[in-house]
Amino acid sequence: MVKALWDSWEDDAFRQDRSDGRYMTPSKVHPINHDGHEVRLRWPDRRRVIR
C-alpha cells in the first residue's frame, strides 16, 4: 500500500510556480481504492481537496 501511495503522484505533479495559488496538478494524481482485511484506503479523498 505504501508503494501505491508513492506511485499515485506523477513526478511533475507538484508545481514550482505557485503564483496562481495551486500547488499541484490534479490530473497528475491517480486514485487508489484499496479494501484490505484491516485497512481501507481511498486516495485522494476528493471531499478534502481545497480549491
N, C-alpha and C. Protein backbone atom coordinates (compact mmCIF):
# COMPACT_ATOMS: atom_id res chain seq x y z
N MET A 1 0.83 -1.18 0.00
CA MET A 1 0.00 0.00 0.00
C MET A 1 0.88 1.26 0.00
N VAL A 2 2.00 1.21 0.68
CA VAL A 2 2.90 2.37 0.69
C VAL A 2 3.41 2.67 -0.71
N LYS A 3 3.76 1.64 -1.45
CA LYS A 3 4.22 1.85 -2.83
C LYS A 3 3.10 2.42 -3.70
N ALA A 4 1.89 1.97 -3.49
CA ALA A 4 0.76 2.51 -4.25
C ALA A 4 0.58 4.00 -3.97
N LEU A 5 0.71 4.40 -2.71
CA LEU A 5 0.63 5.83 -2.37
C LEU A 5 1.77 6.61 -3.02
N TRP A 6 2.95 6.06 -2.95
CA TRP A 6 4.13 6.72 -3.54
C TRP A 6 3.94 6.90 -5.04
N ASP A 7 3.43 5.86 -5.70
CA ASP A 7 3.27 5.90 -7.15
C ASP A 7 2.02 6.64 -7.61
N SER A 8 1.17 7.07 -6.71
CA SER A 8 -0.06 7.76 -7.11
C SER A 8 0.19 9.19 -7.58
N TRP A 9 1.36 9.72 -7.31
CA TRP A 9 1.74 11.07 -7.75
C TRP A 9 2.73 10.95 -8.89
N GLU A 10 2.47 11.61 -10.01
CA GLU A 10 3.46 11.66 -11.07
C GLU A 10 4.61 12.57 -10.63
N ASP A 11 5.77 12.36 -11.21
CA ASP A 11 6.96 13.10 -10.79
C ASP A 11 6.79 14.62 -10.87
N ASP A 12 6.04 15.08 -11.85
CA ASP A 12 5.87 16.53 -12.01
C ASP A 12 4.49 17.02 -11.52
N ALA A 13 3.87 16.30 -10.60
CA ALA A 13 2.56 16.70 -10.09
C ALA A 13 2.63 17.97 -9.25
N PHE A 14 3.72 18.15 -8.53
CA PHE A 14 3.88 19.36 -7.72
C PHE A 14 4.47 20.45 -8.58
N ARG A 15 3.80 21.58 -8.58
CA ARG A 15 4.20 22.69 -9.43
C ARG A 15 5.19 23.60 -8.71
N GLN A 16 6.11 24.12 -9.44
CA GLN A 16 7.08 25.06 -8.88
C GLN A 16 6.55 26.49 -8.91
N ASP A 17 5.65 26.80 -9.85
CA ASP A 17 5.07 28.13 -9.97
C ASP A 17 3.81 28.20 -9.13
N ARG A 18 3.89 28.84 -8.01
CA ARG A 18 2.74 28.90 -7.09
C ARG A 18 2.02 30.24 -7.14
N SER A 19 2.26 31.01 -8.17
CA SER A 19 1.66 32.34 -8.28
C SER A 19 0.14 32.31 -8.39
N ASP A 20 -0.42 31.21 -8.90
CA ASP A 20 -1.87 31.12 -9.06
C ASP A 20 -2.55 30.44 -7.88
N GLY A 21 -1.80 30.09 -6.82
CA GLY A 21 -2.39 29.52 -5.62
C GLY A 21 -2.59 28.01 -5.66
N ARG A 22 -2.16 27.36 -6.72
CA ARG A 22 -2.25 25.90 -6.82
C ARG A 22 -0.86 25.31 -6.65
N TYR A 23 -0.80 24.28 -5.84
CA TYR A 23 0.49 23.67 -5.54
C TYR A 23 0.71 22.35 -6.25
N MET A 24 -0.32 21.83 -6.88
CA MET A 24 -0.18 20.58 -7.61
C MET A 24 -1.18 20.54 -8.76
N THR A 25 -0.94 19.62 -9.69
CA THR A 25 -1.80 19.44 -10.85
C THR A 25 -2.71 18.24 -10.59
N PRO A 26 -4.01 18.45 -10.37
CA PRO A 26 -4.92 17.35 -10.02
C PRO A 26 -4.93 16.20 -11.03
N SER A 27 -4.75 16.46 -12.29
CA SER A 27 -4.77 15.39 -13.30
C SER A 27 -3.56 14.46 -13.19
N LYS A 28 -2.57 14.85 -12.41
CA LYS A 28 -1.37 14.03 -12.25
C LYS A 28 -1.36 13.27 -10.93
N VAL A 29 -2.51 13.26 -10.26
CA VAL A 29 -2.68 12.47 -9.04
C VAL A 29 -3.68 11.36 -9.38
N HIS A 30 -3.28 10.12 -9.17
CA HIS A 30 -4.10 8.98 -9.57
C HIS A 30 -4.73 8.32 -8.35
N PRO A 31 -5.99 7.91 -8.47
CA PRO A 31 -6.71 7.36 -7.32
C PRO A 31 -6.23 5.97 -6.91
N ILE A 32 -6.38 5.71 -5.62
CA ILE A 32 -6.12 4.39 -5.06
C ILE A 32 -7.38 3.98 -4.33
N ASN A 33 -7.88 2.81 -4.61
CA ASN A 33 -9.03 2.24 -3.91
C ASN A 33 -8.61 0.86 -3.41
N HIS A 34 -8.32 0.79 -2.14
CA HIS A 34 -7.83 -0.47 -1.55
C HIS A 34 -8.78 -0.91 -0.45
N ASP A 35 -9.26 -2.14 -0.54
CA ASP A 35 -10.09 -2.75 0.50
C ASP A 35 -9.37 -3.98 1.01
N GLY A 36 -8.65 -3.83 2.10
CA GLY A 36 -7.94 -4.96 2.68
C GLY A 36 -8.69 -5.51 3.88
N HIS A 37 -8.11 -6.50 4.49
CA HIS A 37 -8.73 -7.13 5.66
C HIS A 37 -8.80 -6.14 6.83
N GLU A 38 -7.76 -5.35 7.01
CA GLU A 38 -7.71 -4.43 8.16
C GLU A 38 -7.69 -2.96 7.76
N VAL A 39 -7.42 -2.69 6.50
CA VAL A 39 -7.25 -1.30 6.08
C VAL A 39 -8.09 -1.03 4.84
N ARG A 40 -8.76 0.11 4.85
CA ARG A 40 -9.48 0.59 3.67
C ARG A 40 -8.91 1.96 3.32
N LEU A 41 -8.55 2.15 2.07
CA LEU A 41 -7.93 3.39 1.66
C LEU A 41 -8.58 3.91 0.39
N ARG A 42 -8.98 5.15 0.40
CA ARG A 42 -9.47 5.88 -0.76
C ARG A 42 -8.59 7.12 -0.88
N TRP A 43 -7.80 7.19 -1.94
CA TRP A 43 -6.88 8.31 -2.09
C TRP A 43 -6.91 8.79 -3.53
N PRO A 44 -6.92 10.04 -3.80
CA PRO A 44 -7.13 11.12 -2.83
C PRO A 44 -8.59 11.23 -2.46
N ASP A 45 -8.83 11.71 -1.28
CA ASP A 45 -10.19 11.92 -0.80
C ASP A 45 -10.66 13.25 -1.37
N ARG A 46 -11.42 13.20 -2.43
CA ARG A 46 -11.84 14.43 -3.16
C ARG A 46 -12.67 15.37 -2.29
N ARG A 47 -13.25 14.88 -1.21
CA ARG A 47 -14.02 15.76 -0.33
C ARG A 47 -13.12 16.73 0.40
N ARG A 48 -11.84 16.44 0.48
CA ARG A 48 -10.91 17.28 1.26
C ARG A 48 -10.03 18.15 0.39
N VAL A 49 -10.25 18.14 -0.91
CA VAL A 49 -9.45 18.97 -1.81
C VAL A 49 -9.89 20.42 -1.67
N ILE A 50 -8.94 21.27 -1.37
CA ILE A 50 -9.22 22.70 -1.23
C ILE A 50 -8.84 23.39 -2.53
N ARG A 51 -9.77 24.11 -3.08
CA ARG A 51 -9.50 24.80 -4.35
C ARG A 51 -9.37 26.28 -4.14
